[in-house]
């Protein structure tokens, strides 16, 4: 029996496979190669910064999650000071677009992206566990 706690329904532990190095990746801050793969959720990779970037982003209110859908090649950043407190998606009309909340994010992506976002409750749990609690535990600035 594993000492690891089971993951909530719909979450999987990721393999160590990284996206292939090729042209055509999104520009920063949406390039998934800048972050480490943390979890897989309903076809979306949940990615976070590691190392020195972790400390820098957490303590300054820039800490966020990236949801990356490798098949659809879509990136979503969760709200932080980096995105002025908004969700940010790429590519939308060949550039970035922002949404103030989950419902508007779904609407924004709905007609343009074949990949369906994880449901609201799952995304909020991820944000709480991997953003809010991490920032709170570090003594960093909540965004």
C-alpha atoms as a PDB file:
ATOM      1  CA  UNK A   1       0.000   0.000   0.000  1.00  0.00           C
ATOM      2  CA  UNK A   2       1.281   3.445  -0.911  1.00  0.00           C
ATOM      3  CA  UNK A   3       1.951   6.105   1.710  1.00  0.00           C
ATOM      4  CA  UNK A   4       0.577   8.708  -0.704  1.00  0.00           C
ATOM      5  CA  UNK A   5      -2.944   9.883  -0.082  1.00  0.00           C
ATOM      6  CA  UNK A   6      -5.355   9.132  -2.935  1.00  0.00           C
ATOM      7  CA  UNK A   7      -6.061  12.010  -5.279  1.00  0.00           C
ATOM      8  CA  UNK A   8      -9.607  13.383  -5.587  1.00  0.00           C
ATOM      9  CA  UNK A   9     -11.732  11.967  -8.379  1.00  0.00           C
ATOM     10  CA  UNK A  10     -10.641  13.152 -11.820  1.00  0.00           C
ATOM     11  CA  UNK A  11      -7.043  13.951 -10.803  1.00  0.00           C
ATOM     12  CA  UNK A  12      -4.061  11.876 -11.892  1.00  0.00           C
ATOM     13  CA  UNK A  13      -0.405  12.002 -10.939  1.00  0.00           C
ATOM     14  CA  UNK A  14       1.558  13.096 -13.990  1.00  0.00           C
ATOM     15  CA  UNK A  15       4.226  11.126 -15.761  1.00  0.00           C
ATOM     16  CA  UNK A  16       7.644  12.713 -16.146  1.00  0.00           C
ATOM     17  CA  UNK A  17       7.020  13.313 -19.851  1.00  0.00           C
ATOM     18  CA  UNK A  18       7.524  16.925 -20.910  1.00  0.00           C
ATOM     19  CA  UNK A  19       6.154  18.469 -24.104  1.00  0.00           C
ATOM     20  CA  UNK A  20       8.460  18.000 -27.088  1.00  0.00           C
ATOM     21  CA  UNK A  21      10.749  20.906 -27.936  1.00  0.00           C
ATOM     22  CA  UNK A  22       9.428  22.419 -31.137  1.00  0.00           C
ATOM     23  CA  UNK A  23       8.561  25.738 -32.709  1.00  0.00           C
ATOM     24  CA  UNK A  24       5.148  27.274 -32.287  1.00  0.00           C
ATOM     25  CA  UNK A  25       4.954  27.409 -28.492  1.00  0.00           C
ATOM     26  CA  UNK A  26       2.952  30.204 -26.868  1.00  0.00           C
ATOM     27  CA  UNK A  27       4.883  33.297 -25.767  1.00  0.00           C
ATOM     28  CA  UNK A  28       5.710  33.829 -22.084  1.00  0.00           C
ATOM     29  CA  UNK A  29       3.992  33.724 -19.688  1.00  0.00           C
ATOM     30  CA  UNK A  30       1.918  31.060 -21.480  1.00  0.00           C
ATOM     31  CA  UNK A  31       4.759  28.756 -22.581  1.00  0.00           C
ATOM     32  CA  UNK A  32       4.191  25.522 -20.615  1.00  0.00           C
ATOM     33  CA  UNK A  33       7.890  24.634 -20.833  1.00  0.00           C
ATOM     34  CA  UNK A  34       8.593  27.376 -18.260  1.00  0.00           C
ATOM     35  CA  UNK A  35       6.737  25.423 -15.557  1.00  0.00           C
ATOM     36  CA  UNK A  36       6.775  21.941 -14.095  1.00  0.00           C
ATOM     37  CA  UNK A  37       3.957  19.468 -14.562  1.00  0.00           C
ATOM     38  CA  UNK A  38       2.171  18.974 -11.216  1.00  0.00           C
ATOM     39  CA  UNK A  39      -1.089  17.162 -12.033  1.00  0.00           C
ATOM     40  CA  UNK A  40      -3.329  16.039 -14.866  1.00  0.00           C
ATOM     41  CA  UNK A  41      -6.993  17.015 -14.587  1.00  0.00           C
ATOM     42  CA  UNK A  42      -9.542  16.046 -17.244  1.00  0.00           C
ATOM     43  CA  UNK A  43      -6.996  16.276 -20.065  1.00  0.00           C
ATOM     44  CA  UNK A  44      -5.463  19.523 -18.779  1.00  0.00           C
ATOM     45  CA  UNK A  45      -1.953  19.708 -17.347  1.00  0.00           C
ATOM     46  CA  UNK A  46      -1.681  21.732 -14.147  1.00  0.00           C
ATOM     47  CA  UNK A  47       1.724  23.423 -14.235  1.00  0.00           C
ATOM     48  CA  UNK A  48       3.613  25.475 -11.616  1.00  0.00           C
ATOM     49  CA  UNK A  49       6.992  27.142 -11.270  1.00  0.00           C
ATOM     50  CA  UNK A  50       9.738  25.382  -9.344  1.00  0.00           C
ATOM     51  CA  UNK A  51      13.114  26.399  -7.976  1.00  0.00           C
ATOM     52  CA  UNK A  52      14.010  30.072  -7.688  1.00  0.00           C
ATOM     53  CA  UNK A  53      10.961  31.122  -9.704  1.00  0.00           C
ATOM     54  CA  UNK A  54       8.762  29.517  -7.037  1.00  0.00           C
ATOM     55  CA  UNK A  55      10.172  31.752  -4.283  1.00  0.00           C
ATOM     56  CA  UNK A  56      10.075  34.856  -6.461  1.00  0.00           C
ATOM     57  CA  UNK A  57       6.480  34.410  -7.637  1.00  0.00           C
ATOM     58  CA  UNK A  58       5.027  33.267  -4.293  1.00  0.00           C
ATOM     59  CA  UNK A  59       6.430  36.073  -2.179  1.00  0.00           C
ATOM     60  CA  UNK A  60       5.395  38.830  -4.587  1.00  0.00           C
ATOM     61  CA  UNK A  61       1.772  37.922  -5.279  1.00  0.00           C
ATOM     62  CA  UNK A  62       2.485  36.593  -8.780  1.00  0.00           C
ATOM     63  CA  UNK A  63       1.885  32.933  -7.826  1.00  0.00           C
ATOM     64  CA  UNK A  64      -0.645  31.200 -10.054  1.00  0.00           C
ATOM     65  CA  UNK A  65      -1.414  27.947 -11.827  1.00  0.00           C
ATOM     66  CA  UNK A  66      -1.198  27.315 -15.514  1.00  0.00           C
ATOM     67  CA  UNK A  67      -3.672  24.965 -17.119  1.00  0.00           C
ATOM     68  CA  UNK A  68      -2.235  23.687 -20.397  1.00  0.00           C
ATOM     69  CA  UNK A  69      -4.150  21.503 -22.816  1.00  0.00           C
ATOM     70  CA  UNK A  70      -1.473  19.842 -24.975  1.00  0.00           C
ATOM     71  CA  UNK A  71      -3.836  18.650 -27.708  1.00  0.00           C
ATOM     72  CA  UNK A  72      -5.726  21.933 -28.080  1.00  0.00           C
ATOM     73  CA  UNK A  73      -2.509  23.912 -27.320  1.00  0.00           C
ATOM     74  CA  UNK A  74      -4.421  26.270 -25.052  1.00  0.00           C
ATOM     75  CA  UNK A  75      -3.068  27.918 -21.915  1.00  0.00           C
ATOM     76  CA  UNK A  76      -5.054  29.371 -19.019  1.00  0.00           C
ATOM     77  CA  UNK A  77      -3.407  31.264 -16.163  1.00  0.00           C
ATOM     78  CA  UNK A  78      -5.287  31.616 -12.886  1.00  0.00           C
ATOM     79  CA  UNK A  79      -5.689  35.078 -11.346  1.00  0.00           C
ATOM     80  CA  UNK A  80      -2.655  36.753  -9.773  1.00  0.00           C
ATOM     81  CA  UNK A  81      -0.890  40.119  -9.861  1.00  0.00           C
ATOM     82  CA  UNK A  82       0.712  38.873 -13.096  1.00  0.00           C
ATOM     83  CA  UNK A  83      -2.714  38.911 -14.803  1.00  0.00           C
ATOM     84  CA  UNK A  84      -4.150  41.836 -12.802  1.00  0.00           C
ATOM     85  CA  UNK A  85      -6.374  39.461 -10.825  1.00  0.00           C
ATOM     86  CA  UNK A  86      -8.049  37.963 -13.915  1.00  0.00           C
ATOM     87  CA  UNK A  87      -8.004  34.598 -15.651  1.00  0.00           C
ATOM     88  CA  UNK A  88      -5.971  34.831 -18.822  1.00  0.00           C
ATOM     89  CA  UNK A  89      -6.250  32.511 -21.838  1.00  0.00           C
ATOM     90  CA  UNK A  90      -4.058  32.082 -24.904  1.00  0.00           C
ATOM     91  CA  UNK A  91      -4.591  31.921 -27.872  1.00  0.00           C
ATOM     92  CA  UNK A  92      -7.817  33.833 -28.257  1.00  0.00           C
ATOM     93  CA  UNK A  93      -7.971  35.596 -31.646  1.00  0.00           C
ATOM     94  CA  UNK A  94      -4.216  34.909 -31.929  1.00  0.00           C
ATOM     95  CA  UNK A  95      -3.433  36.657 -28.654  1.00  0.00           C
ATOM     96  CA  UNK A  96      -4.362  36.746 -24.949  1.00  0.00           C
ATOM     97  CA  UNK A  97      -7.796  37.423 -23.526  1.00  0.00           C
ATOM     98  CA  UNK A  98      -8.889  37.882 -19.917  1.00  0.00           C
ATOM     99  CA  UNK A  99     -11.972  36.967 -17.927  1.00  0.00           C
ATOM    100  CA  UNK A 100     -12.909  38.115 -14.412  1.00  0.00           C
ATOM    101  CA  UNK A 101     -14.433  34.811 -13.271  1.00  0.00           C
ATOM    102  CA  UNK A 102     -14.916  31.145 -14.117  1.00  0.00           C
ATOM    103  CA  UNK A 103     -18.224  31.619 -15.966  1.00  0.00           C
ATOM    104  CA  UNK A 104     -16.801  34.286 -18.261  1.00  0.00           C
ATOM    105  CA  UNK A 105     -13.690  32.166 -18.806  1.00  0.00           C
ATOM    106  CA  UNK A 106     -15.880  29.266 -19.937  1.00  0.00           C
ATOM    107  CA  UNK A 107     -17.771  31.623 -22.251  1.00  0.00           C
ATOM    108  CA  UNK A 108     -14.509  33.029 -23.599  1.00  0.00           C
ATOM    109  CA  UNK A 109     -13.139  29.575 -24.398  1.00  0.00           C
ATOM    110  CA  UNK A 110     -16.474  27.992 -25.325  1.00  0.00           C
ATOM    111  CA  UNK A 111     -16.749  28.830 -28.977  1.00  0.00           C
ATOM    112  CA  UNK A 112     -13.029  28.801 -29.699  1.00  0.00           C
ATOM    113  CA  UNK A 113     -11.539  25.807 -27.904  1.00  0.00           C
ATOM    114  CA  UNK A 114     -12.585  22.181 -28.248  1.00  0.00           C
ATOM    115  CA  UNK A 115     -11.088  21.281 -24.842  1.00  0.00           C
ATOM    116  CA  UNK A 116     -13.583  21.678 -21.996  1.00  0.00           C
ATOM    117  CA  UNK A 117     -12.220  23.273 -18.829  1.00  0.00           C
ATOM    118  CA  UNK A 118     -12.344  21.317 -15.578  1.00  0.00           C
ATOM    119  CA  UNK A 119     -15.555  22.118 -13.712  1.00  0.00           C
ATOM    120  CA  UNK A 120     -15.738  25.150 -11.432  1.00  0.00           C
ATOM    121  CA  UNK A 121     -15.468  23.176  -8.180  1.00  0.00           C
ATOM    122  CA  UNK A 122     -12.353  21.331  -9.355  1.00  0.00           C
ATOM    123  CA  UNK A 123     -10.646  24.512 -10.512  1.00  0.00           C
ATOM    124  CA  UNK A 124     -11.484  26.309  -7.263  1.00  0.00           C
ATOM    125  CA  UNK A 125     -10.108  23.371  -5.220  1.00  0.00           C
ATOM    126  CA  UNK A 126      -6.896  23.463  -7.245  1.00  0.00           C
ATOM    127  CA  UNK A 127      -6.561  27.217  -6.777  1.00  0.00           C
ATOM    128  CA  UNK A 128      -7.226  26.949  -3.044  1.00  0.00           C
ATOM    129  CA  UNK A 129      -4.761  24.081  -2.491  1.00  0.00           C
ATOM    130  CA  UNK A 130      -2.001  25.080  -4.906  1.00  0.00           C
ATOM    131  CA  UNK A 131      -2.202  28.868  -4.840  1.00  0.00           C
ATOM    132  CA  UNK A 132      -3.973  30.303  -1.788  1.00  0.00           C
ATOM    133  CA  UNK A 133      -2.599  27.806   0.744  1.00  0.00           C
ATOM    134  CA  UNK A 134       0.905  27.904  -0.758  1.00  0.00           C
ATOM    135  CA  UNK A 135       1.019  31.705  -0.591  1.00  0.00           C
ATOM    136  CA  UNK A 136      -0.457  31.748   2.920  1.00  0.00           C
ATOM    137  CA  UNK A 137       2.081  29.158   4.110  1.00  0.00           C
ATOM    138  CA  UNK A 138       4.987  31.099   2.652  1.00  0.00           C
ATOM    139  CA  UNK A 139       4.026  34.388   4.243  1.00  0.00           C
ATOM    140  CA  UNK A 140       3.696  35.831   0.730  1.00  0.00           C
ATOM    141  CA  UNK A 141       1.193  38.356  -0.555  1.00  0.00           C
ATOM    142  CA  UNK A 142      -2.246  36.977  -1.452  1.00  0.00           C
ATOM    143  CA  UNK A 143      -3.210  38.260  -4.872  1.00  0.00           C
END
